[in-house]
Amino acid sequence: MSKQEINEQIAPFKWVSSESNPGASVILVAGMYKQDVFDQRADEGFEGGGYDWASLAAVYLAERMPELESIVRFDPEADMFCAYSNDAEALRTFIIGFHEACEQPEVIADLFSRAELD
């Protein structure tokens, strides 16, 4: 699968990789996707920033792909979610599944109900 095909499949997440590195990263500018999910728990302090996305992604990873927990890592910033791995195929598996979950309102709301504020 080409970089362009991956990006089309996971938009608005963006796949970042280079020929010289076997790993890859995925980024998302926080606040531009699924903000309504985070707004449901705004009274608890969730804002939809990068750290909130990392909390949500961690729940997804633990519950849906525990075999990848030690392989896929998160490095969020206030305004950006970032997942990365030295294993590009593992990261691709994660982000495709995570994106699919995000596109299912009931699934993402259920997962987010267990996310913890960072």
PDB file of N, CA and C in Angstrom:
ATOM      1  N   MET A   1       0.848  -1.174   0.000  1.00  0.00           N
ATOM      2  CA  MET A   1       0.000   0.000   0.000  1.00  0.00           C
ATOM      3  C   MET A   1       0.898   1.244   0.000  1.00  0.00           C
ATOM      4  N   SER A   2       0.618   2.166  -0.898  1.00  0.00           N
ATOM      5  CA  SER A   2       1.445   3.368  -0.990  1.00  0.00           C
ATOM      6  C   SER A   2       1.109   4.353   0.129  1.00  0.00           C
ATOM      7  N   LYS A   3       2.011   5.289   0.336  1.00  0.00           N
ATOM      8  CA  LYS A   3       1.801   6.344   1.337  1.00  0.00           C
ATOM      9  C   LYS A   3       0.510   7.109   1.040  1.00  0.00           C
ATOM     10  N   GLN A   4       0.275   7.403  -0.224  1.00  0.00           N
ATOM     11  CA  GLN A   4      -0.929   8.130  -0.622  1.00  0.00           C
ATOM     12  C   GLN A   4      -2.187   7.311  -0.315  1.00  0.00           C
ATOM     13  N   GLU A   5      -2.152   6.022  -0.597  1.00  0.00           N
ATOM     14  CA  GLU A   5      -3.312   5.167  -0.318  1.00  0.00           C
ATOM     15  C   GLU A   5      -3.589   5.088   1.174  1.00  0.00           C
ATOM     16  N   ILE A   6      -2.537   4.974   1.972  1.00  0.00           N
ATOM     17  CA  ILE A   6      -2.709   4.948   3.427  1.00  0.00           C
ATOM     18  C   ILE A   6      -3.323   6.265   3.894  1.00  0.00           C
ATOM     19  N   ASN A   7      -2.776   7.379   3.420  1.00  0.00           N
ATOM     20  CA  ASN A   7      -3.295   8.687   3.826  1.00  0.00           C
ATOM     21  C   ASN A   7      -4.754   8.868   3.442  1.00  0.00           C
ATOM     22  N   GLU A   8      -5.143   8.373   2.279  1.00  0.00           N
ATOM     23  CA  GLU A   8      -6.552   8.455   1.870  1.00  0.00           C
ATOM     24  C   GLU A   8      -7.430   7.622   2.794  1.00  0.00           C
ATOM     25  N   GLN A   9      -6.945   6.471   3.214  1.00  0.00           N
ATOM     26  CA  GLN A   9      -7.722   5.572   4.058  1.00  0.00           C
ATOM     27  C   GLN A   9      -7.847   6.079   5.503  1.00  0.00           C
ATOM     28  N   ILE A  10      -6.845   6.787   5.992  1.00  0.00           N
ATOM     29  CA  ILE A  10      -6.848   7.188   7.405  1.00  0.00           C
ATOM     30  C   ILE A  10      -7.113   8.679   7.624  1.00  0.00           C
ATOM     31  N   ALA A  11      -7.366   9.430   6.566  1.00  0.00           N
ATOM     32  CA  ALA A  11      -7.594  10.880   6.695  1.00  0.00           C
ATOM     33  C   ALA A  11      -8.675  11.152   7.748  1.00  0.00           C
ATOM     34  N   PRO A  12      -8.446  12.154   8.583  1.00  0.00           N
ATOM     35  CA  PRO A  12      -7.478  13.236   8.542  1.00  0.00           C
ATOM     36  C   PRO A  12      -6.149  12.931   9.244  1.00  0.00           C
ATOM     37  N   PHE A  13      -5.953  11.693   9.714  1.00  0.00           N
ATOM     38  CA  PHE A  13      -4.635  11.310  10.210  1.00  0.00           C
ATOM     39  C   PHE A  13      -3.673  11.361   9.019  1.00  0.00           C
ATOM     40  N   LYS A  14      -2.408  11.566   9.294  1.00  0.00           N
ATOM     41  CA  LYS A  14      -1.418  11.646   8.212  1.00  0.00           C
ATOM     42  C   LYS A  14      -0.260  10.699   8.510  1.00  0.00           C
ATOM     43  N   TRP A  15       0.044   9.865   7.545  1.00  0.00           N
ATOM     44  CA  TRP A  15       1.143   8.893   7.628  1.00  0.00           C
ATOM     45  C   TRP A  15       2.449   9.589   7.274  1.00  0.00           C
ATOM     46  N   VAL A  16       3.470   9.410   8.118  1.00  0.00           N
ATOM     47  CA  VAL A  16       4.773  10.024   7.890  1.00  0.00           C
ATOM     48  C   VAL A  16       5.825   8.918   7.936  1.00  0.00           C
ATOM     49  N   SER A  17       6.571   8.780   6.852  1.00  0.00           N
ATOM     50  CA  SER A  17       7.634   7.773   6.814  1.00  0.00           C
ATOM     51  C   SER A  17       8.720   8.251   5.868  1.00  0.00           C
ATOM     52  N   SER A  18       9.859   7.585   5.953  1.00  0.00           N
ATOM     53  CA  SER A  18      10.954   7.909   5.042  1.00  0.00           C
ATOM     54  C   SER A  18      11.642   6.627   4.618  1.00  0.00           C
ATOM     55  N   GLU A  19      12.309   6.698   3.496  1.00  0.00           N
ATOM     56  CA  GLU A  19      13.018   5.537   2.960  1.00  0.00           C
ATOM     57  C   GLU A  19      14.151   5.091   3.873  1.00  0.00           C
ATOM     58  N   SER A  20      14.748   6.019   4.593  1.00  0.00           N
ATOM     59  CA  SER A  20      15.924   5.708   5.406  1.00  0.00           C
ATOM     60  C   SER A  20      15.598   5.151   6.791  1.00  0.00           C
ATOM     61  N   ASN A  21      14.329   5.102   7.150  1.00  0.00           N
ATOM     62  CA  ASN A  21      13.921   4.646   8.478  1.00  0.00           C
ATOM     63  C   ASN A  21      12.871   3.552   8.331  1.00  0.00           C
ATOM     64  N   PRO A  22      13.050   2.397   8.974  1.00  0.00           N
ATOM     65  CA  PRO A  22      12.076   1.318   8.839  1.00  0.00           C
ATOM     66  C   PRO A  22      10.759   1.606   9.577  1.00  0.00           C
ATOM     67  N   GLY A  23      10.778   2.566  10.470  1.00  0.00           N
ATOM     68  CA  GLY A  23       9.592   2.913  11.232  1.00  0.00           C
ATOM     69  C   GLY A  23       8.755   3.960  10.528  1.00  0.00           C
ATOM     70  N   ALA A  24       7.720   4.394  11.229  1.00  0.00           N
ATOM     71  CA  ALA A  24       6.819   5.407  10.686  1.00  0.00           C
ATOM     72  C   ALA A  24       6.109   6.100  11.840  1.00  0.00           C
ATOM     73  N   SER A  25       5.449   7.195  11.506  1.00  0.00           N
ATOM     74  CA  SER A  25       4.649   7.939  12.464  1.00  0.00           C
ATOM     75  C   SER A  25       3.297   8.259  11.840  1.00  0.00           C
ATOM     76  N   VAL A  26       2.350   8.546  12.696  1.00  0.00           N
ATOM     77  CA  VAL A  26       1.044   9.021  12.276  1.00  0.00           C
ATOM     78  C   VAL A  26       0.756  10.257  13.109  1.00  0.00           C
ATOM     79  N   ILE A  27       0.312  11.322  12.455  1.00  0.00           N
ATOM     80  CA  ILE A  27       0.001  12.538  13.191  1.00  0.00           C
ATOM     81  C   ILE A  27      -1.430  12.991  12.893  1.00  0.00           C
ATOM     82  N   LEU A  28      -1.951  13.789  13.803  1.00  0.00           N
ATOM     83  CA  LEU A  28      -3.267  14.402  13.638  1.00  0.00           C
ATOM     84  C   LEU A  28      -3.219  15.749  14.326  1.00  0.00           C
ATOM     85  N   VAL A  29      -3.604  16.795  13.615  1.00  0.00           N
ATOM     86  CA  VAL A  29      -3.725  18.099  14.238  1.00  0.00           C
ATOM     87  C   VAL A  29      -4.971  18.041  15.115  1.00  0.00           C
ATOM     88  N   ALA A  30      -4.784  18.240  16.402  1.00  0.00           N
ATOM     89  CA  ALA A  30      -5.886  18.120  17.353  1.00  0.00           C
ATOM     90  C   ALA A  30      -6.919  19.224  17.117  1.00  0.00           C
ATOM     91  N   GLY A  31      -8.169  18.880  17.377  1.00  0.00           N
ATOM     92  CA  GLY A  31      -9.253  19.836  17.263  1.00  0.00           C
ATOM     93  C   GLY A  31      -9.929  19.867  15.911  1.00  0.00           C
ATOM     94  N   MET A  32      -9.415  19.089  14.961  1.00  0.00           N
ATOM     95  CA  MET A  32     -10.004  19.122  13.622  1.00  0.00           C
ATOM     96  C   MET A  32     -10.822  17.867  13.283  1.00  0.00           C
ATOM     97  N   TYR A  33     -10.938  16.950  14.221  1.00  0.00           N
ATOM     98  CA  TYR A  33     -11.595  15.670  13.929  1.00  0.00           C
ATOM     99  C   TYR A  33     -12.262  15.157  15.190  1.00  0.00           C
ATOM    100  N   LYS A  34     -13.522  14.843  15.077  1.00  0.00           N
ATOM    101  CA  LYS A  34     -14.297  14.217  16.154  1.00  0.00           C
ATOM    102  C   LYS A  34     -14.312  15.030  17.450  1.00  0.00           C
ATOM    103  N   GLN A  35     -14.289  16.339  17.320  1.00  0.00           N
ATOM    104  CA  GLN A  35     -14.277  17.180  18.517  1.00  0.00           C
ATOM    105  C   GLN A  35     -15.503  16.935  19.388  1.00  0.00           C
ATOM    106  N   ASP A  36     -16.629  16.568  18.767  1.00  0.00           N
ATOM    107  CA  ASP A  36     -17.851  16.309  19.529  1.00  0.00           C
ATOM    108  C   ASP A  36     -17.677  15.183  20.546  1.00  0.00           C
ATOM    109  N   VAL A  37     -16.827  14.223  20.248  1.00  0.00           N
ATOM    110  CA  VAL A  37     -16.562  13.128  21.189  1.00  0.00           C
ATOM    111  C   VAL A  37     -15.947  13.687  22.465  1.00  0.00           C
ATOM    112  N   PHE A  38     -14.962  14.544  22.320  1.00  0.00           N
ATOM    113  CA  PHE A  38     -14.272  15.109  23.482  1.00  0.00           C
ATOM    114  C   PHE A  38     -15.145  16.122  24.219  1.00  0.00           C
ATOM    115  N   ASP A  39     -15.972  16.828  23.471  1.00  0.00           N
ATOM    116  CA  ASP A  39     -16.867  17.816  24.087  1.00  0.00           C
ATOM    117  C   ASP A  39     -17.820  17.170  25.086  1.00  0.00           C
ATOM    118  N   GLN A  40     -18.139  15.895  24.889  1.00  0.00           N
ATOM    119  CA  GLN A  40     -19.052  15.195  25.804  1.00  0.00           C
ATOM    120  C   GLN A  40     -18.476  15.069  27.207  1.00  0.00           C
ATOM    121  N   ARG A  41     -17.153  15.166  27.333  1.00  0.00           N
ATOM    122  CA  ARG A  41     -16.514  15.069  28.651  1.00  0.00           C
ATOM    123  C   ARG A  41     -15.697  16.317  28.978  1.00  0.00           C
ATOM    124  N   ALA A  42     -16.088  17.434  28.385  1.00  0.00           N
ATOM    125  CA  ALA A  42     -15.374  18.695  28.620  1.00  0.00           C
ATOM    126  C   ALA A  42     -15.416  19.091  30.090  1.00  0.00           C
ATOM    127  N   ASP A  43     -16.505  18.775  30.768  1.00  0.00           N
ATOM    128  CA  ASP A  43     -16.624  19.127  32.189  1.00  0.00           C
ATOM    129  C   ASP A  43     -15.598  18.391  33.046  1.00  0.00           C
ATOM    130  N   GLU A  44     -15.011  17.317  32.500  1.00  0.00           N
ATOM    131  CA  GLU A  44     -13.965  16.573  33.209  1.00  0.00           C
ATOM    132  C   GLU A  44     -12.571  17.084  32.853  1.00  0.00           C
ATOM    133  N   GLY A  45     -12.509  18.009  31.905  1.00  0.00           N
ATOM    134  CA  GLY A  45     -11.224  18.569  31.514  1.00  0.00           C
ATOM    135  C   GLY A  45     -10.735  18.151  30.138  1.00  0.00           C
ATOM    136  N   PHE A  46     -11.470  17.293  29.446  1.00  0.00           N
ATOM    137  CA  PHE A  46     -11.069  16.893  28.097  1.00  0.00           C
ATOM    138  C   PHE A  46     -11.303  18.038  27.125  1.00  0.00           C
ATOM    139  N   GLU A  47     -10.312  18.307  26.294  1.00  0.00           N
ATOM    140  CA  GLU A  47     -10.400  19.401  25.333  1.00  0.00           C
ATOM    141  C   GLU A  47     -10.280  18.937  23.888  1.00  0.00           C
ATOM    142  N   GLY A  48      -9.857  17.697  23.686  1.00  0.00           N
ATOM    143  CA  GLY A  48      -9.658  17.205  22.325  1.00  0.00           C
ATOM    144  C   GLY A  48      -8.262  17.452  21.805  1.00  0.00           C
ATOM    145  N   GLY A  49      -7.325  17.750  22.690  1.00  0.00           N
ATOM    146  CA  GLY A  49      -5.941  17.977  22.307  1.00  0.00           C
ATOM    147  C   GLY A  49      -5.201  16.663  22.079  1.00  0.00           C
ATOM    148  N   GLY A  50      -3.935  16.786  21.792  1.00  0.00           N
ATOM    149  CA  GLY A  50      -3.116  15.617  21.508  1.00  0.00           C
ATOM    150  C   GLY A  50      -3.057  14.615  22.647  1.00  0.00           C
ATOM    151  N   TYR A  51      -3.008  15.111  23.877  1.00  0.00           N
ATOM    152  CA  TYR A  51      -2.954  14.209  25.024  1.00  0.00           C
ATOM    153  C   TYR A  51      -4.265  13.436  25.173  1.00  0.00           C
ATOM    154  N   ASP A  52      -5.385  14.099  24.895  1.00  0.00           N
ATOM    155  CA  ASP A  52      -6.688  13.426  24.967  1.00  0.00           C
ATOM    156  C   ASP A  52      -6.791  12.343  23.894  1.00  0.00           C
ATOM    157  N   TRP A  53      -6.295  12.649  22.693  1.00  0.00           N
ATOM    158  CA  TRP A  53      -6.275  11.642  21.631  1.00  0.00           C
ATOM    159  C   TRP A  53      -5.398  10.456  22.019  1.00  0.00           C
ATOM    160  N   ALA A  54      -4.265  10.724  22.661  1.00  0.00           N
ATOM    161  CA  ALA A  54      -3.383   9.635  23.091  1.00  0.00           C
ATOM    162  C   ALA A  54      -4.076   8.769  24.137  1.00  0.00           C
ATOM    163  N   SER A  55      -4.837   9.377  25.035  1.00  0.00           N
ATOM    164  CA  SER A  55      -5.587   8.604  26.041  1.00  0.00           C
ATOM    165  C   SER A  55      -6.615   7.709  25.370  1.00  0.00           C
ATOM    166  N   LEU A  56      -7.321   8.256  24.397  1.00  0.00           N
ATOM    167  CA  LEU A  56      -8.305   7.474  23.655  1.00  0.00           C
ATOM    168  C   LEU A  56      -7.637   6.345  22.879  1.00  0.00           C
ATOM    169  N   ALA A  57      -6.544   6.659  22.204  1.00  0.00           N
ATOM    170  CA  ALA A  57      -5.827   5.650  21.417  1.00  0.00           C
ATOM    171  C   ALA A  57      -5.268   4.547  22.310  1.00  0.00           C
ATOM    172  N   ALA A  58      -4.844   4.903  23.519  1.00  0.00           N
ATOM    173  CA  ALA A  58      -4.307   3.900  24.448  1.00  0.00           C
ATOM    174  C   ALA A  58      -5.385   2.908  24.864  1.00  0.00           C
ATOM    175  N   VAL A  59      -6.604   3.393  25.079  1.00  0.00           N
ATOM    176  CA  VAL A  59      -7.713   2.494  25.417  1.00  0.00           C
ATOM    177  C   VAL A  59      -7.976   1.562  24.239  1.00  0.00           C
ATOM    178  N   TYR A  60      -8.036   2.128  23.024  1.00  0.00           N
ATOM    179  CA  TYR A  60      -8.251   1.316  21.833  1.00  0.00           C
ATOM    180  C   TYR A  60      -7.172   0.235  21.725  1.00  0.00           C
ATOM    181  N   LEU A  61      -5.930   0.633  21.861  1.00  0.00           N
ATOM    182  CA  LEU A  61      -4.815  -0.299  21.722  1.00  0.00           C
ATOM    183  C   LEU A  61      -4.887  -1.408  22.771  1.00  0.00           C
ATOM    184  N   ALA A  62      -5.131  -1.045  24.011  1.00  0.00           N
ATOM    185  CA  ALA A  62      -5.191  -2.029  25.101  1.00  0.00           C
ATOM    186  C   ALA A  62      -6.327  -3.024  24.909  1.00  0.00           C
ATOM    187  N   GLU A  63      -7.465  -2.542  24.453  1.00  0.00           N
ATOM    188  CA  GLU A  63      -8.646  -3.396  24.351  1.00  0.00           C
ATOM    189  C   GLU A  63      -8.779  -4.131  23.030  1.00  0.00           C
ATOM    190  N   ARG A  64      -8.335  -3.516  21.952  1.00  0.00           N
ATOM    191  CA  ARG A  64      -8.559  -4.089  20.627  1.00  0.00           C
ATOM    192  C   ARG A  64      -7.320  -4.709  19.990  1.00  0.00           C
ATOM    193  N   MET A  65      -6.133  -4.230  20.382  1.00  0.00           N
ATOM    194  CA  MET A  65      -4.889  -4.731  19.783  1.00  0.00           C
ATOM    195  C   MET A  65      -3.795  -4.845  20.843  1.00  0.00           C
ATOM    196  N   PRO A  66      -4.045  -5.585  21.919  1.00  0.00           N
ATOM    197  CA  PRO A  66      -3.053  -5.651  22.997  1.00  0.00           C
ATOM    198  C   PRO A  66      -1.700  -6.196  22.550  1.00  0.00           C
ATOM    199  N   GLU A  67      -1.684  -6.958  21.485  1.00  0.00           N
ATOM    200  CA  GLU A  67      -0.424  -7.501  20.978  1.00  0.00           C
ATOM    201  C   GLU A  67       0.497  -6.405  20.427  1.00  0.00           C
ATOM    202  N   LEU A  68      -0.056  -5.212  20.186  1.00  0.00           N
ATOM    203  CA  LEU A  68       0.743  -4.107  19.651  1.00  0.00           C
ATOM    204  C   LEU A  68       1.110  -3.067  20.709  1.00  0.00           C
ATOM    205  N   GLU A  69       0.674  -3.269  21.956  1.00  0.00           N
ATOM    206  CA  GLU A  69       0.919  -2.270  23.001  1.00  0.00           C
ATOM    207  C   GLU A  69       2.395  -1.965  23.219  1.00  0.00           C
ATOM    208  N   SER A  70       3.245  -2.949  23.082  1.00  0.00           N
ATOM    209  CA  SER A  70       4.674  -2.706  23.298  1.00  0.00           C
ATOM    210  C   SER A  70       5.378  -2.251  22.022  1.00  0.00           C
ATOM    211  N   ILE A  71       4.642  -2.180  20.924  1.00  0.00           N
ATOM    212  CA  ILE A  71       5.228  -1.839  19.629  1.00  0.00           C
ATOM    213  C   ILE A  71       4.845  -0.433  19.170  1.00  0.00           C
ATOM    214  N   VAL A  72       3.594  -0.053  19.404  1.00  0.00           N
ATOM    215  CA  VAL A  72       3.096   1.271  19.018  1.00  0.00           C
ATOM    216  C   VAL A  72       3.203   2.198  20.227  1.00  0.00           C
ATOM    217  N   ARG A  73       3.797   3.345  20.017  1.00  0.00           N
ATOM    218  CA  ARG A  73       4.009   4.324  21.092  1.00  0.00           C
ATOM    219  C   ARG A  73       3.326   5.643  20.730  1.00  0.00           C
ATOM    220  N   PHE A  74       3.095   6.461  21.749  1.00  0.00           N
ATOM    221  CA  PHE A  74       2.470   7.769  21.542  1.00  0.00           C
ATOM    222  C   PHE A  74       3.404   8.867  22.030  1.00  0.00           C
ATOM    223  N   ASP A  75       3.413   9.979  21.324  1.00  0.00           N
ATOM    224  CA  ASP A  75       4.209  11.142  21.697  1.00  0.00           C
ATOM    225  C   ASP A  75       3.391  12.399  21.390  1.00  0.00           C
ATOM    226  N   PRO A  76       2.326  12.624  22.173  1.00  0.00           N
ATOM    227  CA  PRO A  76       1.440  13.754  21.872  1.00  0.00           C
ATOM    228  C   PRO A  76       2.026  15.084  22.305  1.00  0.00           C
ATOM    229  N   GLU A  77       1.500  16.118  21.719  1.00  0.00           N
ATOM    230  CA  GLU A  77       1.739  17.505  22.104  1.00  0.00           C
ATOM    231  C   GLU A  77       0.350  18.087  22.387  1.00  0.00           C
ATOM    232  N   ALA A  78       0.300  19.282  22.905  1.00  0.00           N
ATOM    233  CA  ALA A  78      -0.995  19.891  23.208  1.00  0.00           C
ATOM    234  C   ALA A  78      -1.889  19.972  21.974  1.00  0.00           C
ATOM    235  N   ASP A  79      -1.287  20.309  20.824  1.00  0.00           N
ATOM    236  CA  ASP A  79      -2.087  20.514  19.623  1.00  0.00           C
ATOM    237  C   ASP A  79      -1.914  19.421  18.561  1.00  0.00           C
ATOM    238  N   MET A  80      -1.251  18.317  18.932  1.00  0.00           N
ATOM    239  CA  MET A  80      -1.019  17.268  17.948  1.00  0.00           C
ATOM    240  C   MET A  80      -0.955  15.882  18.595  1.00  0.00           C
ATOM    241  N   PHE A  81      -1.652  14.945  17.987  1.00  0.00           N
ATOM    242  CA  PHE A  81      -1.550  13.539  18.359  1.00  0.00           C
ATOM    243  C   PHE A  81      -0.482  12.921  17.471  1.00  0.00           C
ATOM    244  N   CYS A  82       0.363  12.095  18.067  1.00  0.00           N
ATOM    245  CA  CYS A  82       1.386  11.399  17.300  1.00  0.00           C
ATOM    246  C   CYS A  82       1.518   9.974  17.830  1.00  0.00           C
ATOM    247  N   ALA A  83       1.441   9.016  16.923  1.00  0.00           N
ATOM    248  CA  ALA A  83       1.730   7.616  17.232  1.00  0.00           C
ATOM    249  C   ALA A  83       2.901   7.223  16.348  1.00  0.00           C
ATOM    250  N   TYR A  84       3.776   6.382  16.866  1.00  0.00           N
ATOM    251  CA  TYR A  84       4.940   5.992  16.076  1.00  0.00           C
ATOM    252  C   TYR A  84       5.366   4.574  16.435  1.00  0.00           C
ATOM    253  N   SER A  85       6.157   4.001  15.565  1.00  0.00           N
ATOM    254  CA  SER A  85       6.689   2.660  15.803  1.00  0.00           C
ATOM    255  C   SER A  85       7.868   2.417  14.880  1.00  0.00           C
ATOM    256  N   ASN A  86       8.788   1.601  15.332  1.00  0.00           N
ATOM    257  CA  ASN A  86       9.863   1.131  14.463  1.00  0.00           C
ATOM    258  C   ASN A  86       9.357   0.074  13.498  1.00  0.00           C
ATOM    259  N   ASP A  87       8.164  -0.441  13.761  1.00  0.00           N
ATOM    260  CA  ASP A  87       7.525  -1.458  12.922  1.00  0.00           C
ATOM    261  C   ASP A  87       6.383  -0.790  12.156  1.00  0.00           C
ATOM    262  N   ALA A  88       6.662  -0.348  10.935  1.00  0.00           N
ATOM    263  CA  ALA A  88       5.674   0.394  10.148  1.00  0.00           C
ATOM    264  C   ALA A  88       4.411  -0.432   9.901  1.00  0.00           C
ATOM    265  N   GLU A  89       4.550  -1.720   9.701  1.00  0.00           N
ATOM    266  CA  GLU A  89       3.380  -2.566   9.446  1.00  0.00           C
ATOM    267  C   GLU A  89       2.473  -2.624  10.677  1.00  0.00           C
ATOM    268  N   ALA A  90       3.053  -2.711  11.858  1.00  0.00           N
ATOM    269  CA  ALA A  90       2.261  -2.711  13.090  1.00  0.00           C
ATOM    270  C   ALA A  90       1.533  -1.382  13.257  1.00  0.00           C
ATOM    271  N   LEU A  91       2.222  -0.290  12.958  1.00  0.00           N
ATOM    272  CA  LEU A  91       1.593   1.027  13.064  1.00  0.00           C
ATOM    273  C   LEU A  91       0.459   1.154  12.056  1.00  0.00           C
ATOM    274  N   ARG A  92       0.661   0.658  10.861  1.00  0.00           N
ATOM    275  CA  ARG A  92      -0.386   0.708   9.836  1.00  0.00           C
ATOM    276  C   ARG A  92      -1.609  -0.084  10.289  1.00  0.00           C
ATOM    277  N   THR A  93      -1.393  -1.260  10.851  1.00  0.00           N
ATOM    278  CA  THR A  93      -2.498  -2.070  11.361  1.00  0.00           C
ATOM    279  C   THR A  93      -3.263  -1.305  12.441  1.00  0.00           C
ATOM    280  N   PHE A  94      -2.507  -0.694  13.365  1.00  0.00           N
ATOM    281  CA  PHE A  94      -3.133   0.083  14.435  1.00  0.00           C
ATOM    282  C   PHE A  94      -3.955   1.237  13.885  1.00  0.00           C
ATOM    283  N   ILE A  95      -3.360   2.074  13.044  1.00  0.00           N
ATOM    284  CA  ILE A  95      -4.047   3.301  12.644  1.00  0.00           C
ATOM    285  C   ILE A  95      -5.242   3.016  11.755  1.00  0.00           C
ATOM    286  N   ILE A  96      -5.180   1.994  10.934  1.00  0.00           N
ATOM    287  CA  ILE A  96      -6.351   1.649  10.117  1.00  0.00           C
ATOM    288  C   ILE A  96      -7.496   1.200  11.027  1.00  0.00           C
ATOM    289  N   GLY A  97      -7.193   0.370  12.004  1.00  0.00           N
ATOM    290  CA  GLY A  97      -8.226  -0.076  12.935  1.00  0.00           C
ATOM    291  C   GLY A  97      -8.753   1.046  13.802  1.00  0.00           C
ATOM    292  N   PHE A  98      -7.841   1.902  14.290  1.00  0.00           N
ATOM    293  CA  PHE A  98      -8.248   3.022  15.139  1.00  0.00           C
ATOM    294  C   PHE A  98      -9.124   3.996  14.353  1.00  0.00           C
ATOM    295  N   HIS A  99      -8.748   4.285  13.123  1.00  0.00           N
ATOM    296  CA  HIS A  99      -9.549   5.174  12.280  1.00  0.00           C
ATOM    297  C   HIS A  99     -10.937   4.579  12.055  1.00  0.00           C
ATOM    298  N   GLU A 100     -11.010   3.274  11.788  1.00  0.00           N
ATOM    299  CA  GLU A 100     -12.311   2.624  11.599  1.00  0.00           C
ATOM    300  C   GLU A 100     -13.166   2.760  12.851  1.00  0.00           C
ATOM    301  N   ALA A 101     -12.556   2.594  14.024  1.00  0.00           N
ATOM    302  CA  ALA A 101     -13.288   2.751  15.281  1.00  0.00           C
ATOM    303  C   ALA A 101     -13.787   4.188  15.436  1.00  0.00           C
ATOM    304  N   CYS A 102     -12.953   5.155  15.064  1.00  0.00           N
ATOM    305  CA  CYS A 102     -13.339   6.564  15.173  1.00  0.00           C
ATOM    306  C   CYS A 102     -14.534   6.896  14.286  1.00  0.00           C
ATOM    307  N   GLU A 103     -14.694   6.178  13.209  1.00  0.00           N
ATOM    308  CA  GLU A 103     -15.792   6.428  12.277  1.00  0.00           C
ATOM    309  C   GLU A 103     -17.103   5.775  12.723  1.00  0.00           C
ATOM    310  N   GLN A 104     -17.081   5.046  13.822  1.00  0.00           N
ATOM    311  CA  GLN A 104     -18.286   4.405  14.359  1.00  0.00           C
ATOM    312  C   GLN A 104     -18.636   5.093  15.683  1.00  0.00           C
ATOM    313  N   PRO A 105     -19.615   6.007  15.666  1.00  0.00           N
ATOM    314  CA  PRO A 105     -19.915   6.811  16.854  1.00  0.00           C
ATOM    315  C   PRO A 105     -20.104   6.008  18.145  1.00  0.00           C
ATOM    316  N   GLU A 106     -20.795   4.874  18.066  1.00  0.00           N
ATOM    317  CA  GLU A 106     -21.030   4.090  19.276  1.00  0.00           C
ATOM    318  C   GLU A 106     -19.726   3.491  19.808  1.00  0.00           C
ATOM    319  N   VAL A 107     -18.885   3.034  18.912  1.00  0.00           N
ATOM    320  CA  VAL A 107     -17.624   2.404  19.296  1.00  0.00           C
ATOM    321  C   VAL A 107     -16.693   3.432  19.931  1.00  0.00           C
ATOM    322  N   ILE A 108     -16.537   4.575  19.283  1.00  0.00           N
ATOM    323  CA  ILE A 108     -15.600   5.569  19.794  1.00  0.00           C
ATOM    324  C   ILE A 108     -16.100   6.149  21.120  1.00  0.00           C
ATOM    325  N   ALA A 109     -17.407   6.323  21.252  1.00  0.00           N
ATOM    326  CA  ALA A 109     -17.962   6.824  22.520  1.00  0.00           C
ATOM    327  C   ALA A 109     -17.728   5.817  23.637  1.00  0.00           C
ATOM    328  N   ASP A 110     -17.888   4.537  23.329  1.00  0.00           N
ATOM    329  CA  ASP A 110     -17.661   3.496  24.338  1.00  0.00           C
ATOM    330  C   ASP A 110     -16.195   3.472  24.763  1.00  0.00           C
ATOM    331  N   LEU A 111     -15.292   3.494  23.811  1.00  0.00           N
ATOM    332  CA  LEU A 111     -13.864   3.502  24.136  1.00  0.00           C
ATOM    333  C   LEU A 111     -13.502   4.752  24.936  1.00  0.00           C
ATOM    334  N   PHE A 112     -14.022   5.899  24.524  1.00  0.00           N
ATOM    335  CA  PHE A 112     -13.692   7.151  25.195  1.00  0.00           C
ATOM    336  C   PHE A 112     -14.233   7.195  26.627  1.00  0.00           C
ATOM    337  N   SER A 113     -15.268   6.425  26.897  1.00  0.00           N
ATOM    338  CA  SER A 113     -15.819   6.400  28.258  1.00  0.00           C
ATOM    339  C   SER A 113     -14.805   5.860  29.272  1.00  0.00           C
ATOM    340  N   ARG A 114     -13.787   5.161  28.779  1.00  0.00           N
ATOM    341  CA  ARG A 114     -12.759   4.597  29.647  1.00  0.00           C
ATOM    342  C   ARG A 114     -11.412   5.331  29.547  1.00  0.00           C
ATOM    343  N   ALA A 115     -11.371   6.370  28.747  1.00  0.00           N
ATOM    344  CA  ALA A 115     -10.132   7.153  28.621  1.00  0.00           C
ATOM    345  C   ALA A 115      -9.924   7.967  29.893  1.00  0.00           C
ATOM    346  N   GLU A 116      -8.655   8.108  30.257  1.00  0.00           N
ATOM    347  CA  GLU A 116      -8.312   8.864  31.465  1.00  0.00           C
ATOM    348  C   GLU A 116      -7.614  10.149  31.076  1.00  0.00           C
ATOM    349  N   LEU A 117      -7.960  11.207  31.770  1.00  0.00           N
ATOM    350  CA  LEU A 117      -7.358  12.505  31.521  1.00  0.00           C
ATOM    351  C   LEU A 117      -5.877  12.452  31.870  1.00  0.00           C
ATOM    352  N   ASP A 118      -5.057  12.920  30.930  1.00  0.00           N
ATOM    353  CA  ASP A 118      -3.605  12.918  31.152  1.00  0.00           C
ATOM    354  C   ASP A 118      -3.164  14.235  31.755  1.00  0.00           C
TER     355      ASP A 118
END
